[in-house]
Amino acid sequence: MDSYQFTFAVSPDQRELLLAYLSQLPFNAFEEKESEILAFCPANPAIPKLEEDISNLHSLLPFKYTKQPVSYTHLTLPTKRIV
């Protein structure tokens, strides 16, 4: 499944507040780094609506963000039969 990674750069004093707002949006995973928050969501037709929501959120909090596609490769590992 393909996804998008949104990278949010926000000041440390606004980090928890931004994370609280982002958790209300359709992201399915977050990763906190020292100076940014990574948020992931599946690639779907609702991405323009999500970006509109992020833009509205930007009117409340100062932050910068980027979006990039992420592709995952599914690997099937051989199973070992236990006798």
C-alpha atoms as a PDB file:
ATOM      1  CA  MET A   1       0.000   0.000   0.000  1.00  0.00           C
ATOM      2  CA  ASP A   2       1.301   3.441  -0.833  1.00  0.00           C
ATOM      3  CA  SER A   3       1.179   6.203   1.726  1.00  0.00           C
ATOM      4  CA  TYR A   4       2.143   9.799   2.249  1.00  0.00           C
ATOM      5  CA  GLN A   5       4.561  11.076   4.825  1.00  0.00           C
ATOM      6  CA  PHE A   6       3.901  14.578   6.088  1.00  0.00           C
ATOM      7  CA  THR A   7       6.826  16.204   7.888  1.00  0.00           C
ATOM      8  CA  PHE A   8       5.874  19.023  10.249  1.00  0.00           C
ATOM      9  CA  ALA A   9       8.474  21.467  11.554  1.00  0.00           C
ATOM     10  CA  VAL A  10       7.174  23.226  14.647  1.00  0.00           C
ATOM     11  CA  SER A  11       8.689  25.030  17.619  1.00  0.00           C
ATOM     12  CA  PRO A  12       9.215  22.870  20.720  1.00  0.00           C
ATOM     13  CA  ASP A  13       6.661  24.838  22.751  1.00  0.00           C
ATOM     14  CA  GLN A  14       3.937  24.155  20.134  1.00  0.00           C
ATOM     15  CA  ARG A  15       4.818  20.500  19.486  1.00  0.00           C
ATOM     16  CA  GLU A  16       2.299  18.842  21.840  1.00  0.00           C
ATOM     17  CA  LEU A  17      -0.504  21.123  20.695  1.00  0.00           C
ATOM     18  CA  LEU A  18       0.172  20.392  17.025  1.00  0.00           C
ATOM     19  CA  LEU A  19       0.312  16.670  17.732  1.00  0.00           C
ATOM     20  CA  ALA A  20      -3.045  16.868  19.511  1.00  0.00           C
ATOM     21  CA  TYR A  21      -4.619  18.599  16.497  1.00  0.00           C
ATOM     22  CA  LEU A  22      -2.999  16.198  14.008  1.00  0.00           C
ATOM     23  CA  SER A  23      -4.334  13.209  15.926  1.00  0.00           C
ATOM     24  CA  GLN A  24      -7.842  14.382  15.005  1.00  0.00           C
ATOM     25  CA  LEU A  25      -7.027  14.060  11.291  1.00  0.00           C
ATOM     26  CA  PRO A  26      -6.929  10.773   9.337  1.00  0.00           C
ATOM     27  CA  PHE A  27      -3.278   9.959   9.994  1.00  0.00           C
ATOM     28  CA  ASN A  28      -2.623   6.357  10.963  1.00  0.00           C
ATOM     29  CA  ALA A  29       0.876   6.714  12.461  1.00  0.00           C
ATOM     30  CA  PHE A  30       3.134   9.344  13.967  1.00  0.00           C
ATOM     31  CA  GLU A  31       6.831   9.526  14.673  1.00  0.00           C
ATOM     32  CA  GLU A  32       8.312  12.263  16.825  1.00  0.00           C
ATOM     33  CA  LYS A  33      11.825  13.389  16.032  1.00  0.00           C
ATOM     34  CA  GLU A  34      13.929  16.019  17.750  1.00  0.00           C
ATOM     35  CA  SER A  35      12.820  18.917  15.575  1.00  0.00           C
ATOM     36  CA  GLU A  36       9.822  17.564  13.658  1.00  0.00           C
ATOM     37  CA  ILE A  37       6.764  15.352  13.666  1.00  0.00           C
ATOM     38  CA  LEU A  38       6.270  12.746  10.942  1.00  0.00           C
ATOM     39  CA  ALA A  39       2.672  11.790  10.199  1.00  0.00           C
ATOM     40  CA  PHE A  40       1.625   9.013   7.820  1.00  0.00           C
ATOM     41  CA  CYS A  41      -1.622   8.354   5.990  1.00  0.00           C
ATOM     42  CA  PRO A  42      -2.694   6.019   3.189  1.00  0.00           C
ATOM     43  CA  ALA A  43      -2.735   7.447  -0.312  1.00  0.00           C
ATOM     44  CA  ASN A  44      -6.388   7.977  -1.156  1.00  0.00           C
ATOM     45  CA  PRO A  45      -8.714  10.466  -2.857  1.00  0.00           C
ATOM     46  CA  ALA A  46      -9.234  12.354   0.442  1.00  0.00           C
ATOM     47  CA  ILE A  47      -5.693  13.807   0.415  1.00  0.00           C
ATOM     48  CA  PRO A  48      -6.849  17.221  -0.918  1.00  0.00           C
ATOM     49  CA  LYS A  49      -9.335  17.450   1.988  1.00  0.00           C
ATOM     50  CA  LEU A  50      -6.567  16.516   4.424  1.00  0.00           C
ATOM     51  CA  GLU A  51      -4.342  19.246   2.997  1.00  0.00           C
ATOM     52  CA  GLU A  52      -7.215  21.711   3.366  1.00  0.00           C
ATOM     53  CA  ASP A  53      -7.551  20.683   7.029  1.00  0.00           C
ATOM     54  CA  ILE A  54      -3.806  21.157   7.517  1.00  0.00           C
ATOM     55  CA  SER A  55      -4.060  24.606   5.929  1.00  0.00           C
ATOM     56  CA  ASN A  56      -6.873  25.513   8.321  1.00  0.00           C
ATOM     57  CA  LEU A  57      -4.764  24.260  11.211  1.00  0.00           C
ATOM     58  CA  HIS A  58      -1.915  26.449  10.013  1.00  0.00           C
ATOM     59  CA  SER A  59      -4.096  29.491  10.725  1.00  0.00           C
ATOM     60  CA  LEU A  60      -4.058  28.456  14.418  1.00  0.00           C
ATOM     61  CA  LEU A  61      -0.414  27.393  14.823  1.00  0.00           C
ATOM     62  CA  PRO A  62       2.808  28.409  13.096  1.00  0.00           C
ATOM     63  CA  PHE A  63       4.464  25.437  11.383  1.00  0.00           C
ATOM     64  CA  LYS A  64       5.886  24.324   8.072  1.00  0.00           C
ATOM     65  CA  TYR A  65       5.210  21.000   6.403  1.00  0.00           C
ATOM     66  CA  THR A  66       6.180  18.934   3.422  1.00  0.00           C
ATOM     67  CA  LYS A  67       4.475  15.924   1.864  1.00  0.00           C
ATOM     68  CA  GLN A  68       6.154  13.046   0.103  1.00  0.00           C
ATOM     69  CA  PRO A  69       4.935   9.687  -1.180  1.00  0.00           C
ATOM     70  CA  VAL A  70       6.146   6.542   0.533  1.00  0.00           C
ATOM     71  CA  SER A  71       6.049   3.141  -1.160  1.00  0.00           C
ATOM     72  CA  TYR A  72       6.196  -0.057   0.809  1.00  0.00           C
ATOM     73  CA  THR A  73       7.376  -3.393  -0.453  1.00  0.00           C
ATOM     74  CA  HIS A  74       5.710  -6.477   0.931  1.00  0.00           C
ATOM     75  CA  LEU A  75       8.095  -9.352   1.495  1.00  0.00           C
ATOM     76  CA  THR A  76       6.997 -12.894   2.083  1.00  0.00           C
ATOM     77  CA  LEU A  77       9.476 -14.712   4.238  1.00  0.00           C
ATOM     78  CA  PRO A  78       9.869 -18.456   3.945  1.00  0.00           C
ATOM     79  CA  THR A  79       8.287 -20.346   6.808  1.00  0.00           C
ATOM     80  CA  LYS A  80      10.135 -23.008   8.671  1.00  0.00           C
ATOM     81  CA  ARG A  81       8.138 -26.066   9.505  1.00  0.00           C
ATOM     82  CA  ILE A  82       8.544 -27.197  13.093  1.00  0.00           C
ATOM     83  CA  VAL A  83       8.251 -30.925  13.534  1.00  0.00           C
END
